[in-house]
Amino acid sequence: MAVSFAIVLVAYWGYALWVVPWIEPPAARPQGANAVSAEELQHAREAARHDPRRAMLSPLFGPDDWELGPRAKILESEQFRLLVEDWNTLDDNQVELRPCTMVFTPGGSGSPEERIRQSVVLQAPQGARLRFDRPLDLRRG
């Protein structure tokens, strides 16, 4: 039984180290329309130092990621954060969010730093569409 386990383990690591990188190239970061100027990026870094919400999210994203940029809007609850740059309300009770990142943070009694380390981040750089059972107005309080 131990020999079978060792064979499976070696096969798995061989596949993970040699086959997967050849089949699946690394993900490319989107560039272009959502690119932030150097001046905006510097302003965002300064703002992040004074904004505890952005500072808390900074371990999850790189310094050039749009999520920490000046155009990112953050909607949050205790265990969830929705980050978007822009949105459009569509006709059929849908809202289009571009780009969109969702951060799910576990509840509990741990420190904020520990909770952020355990977060699950879902990114949709091309955007996401949310459908609601009735019209949604994001401008309303």
Foldseek 3Di string as FASTA:
>chain_A
DVVVVVVVVVVVVCCVPPVCCVVDPDDDDDDDPLFDDPVQLVVLVVVCVVDVVLVLLPVVDDSRDCQSTPQWDWDDDPFKIKIANDWDFDDQQKIKGAWIKMKGFDDDDDDSNVRSVVIDMDTRNRIDMDHDPDHDDPVPD
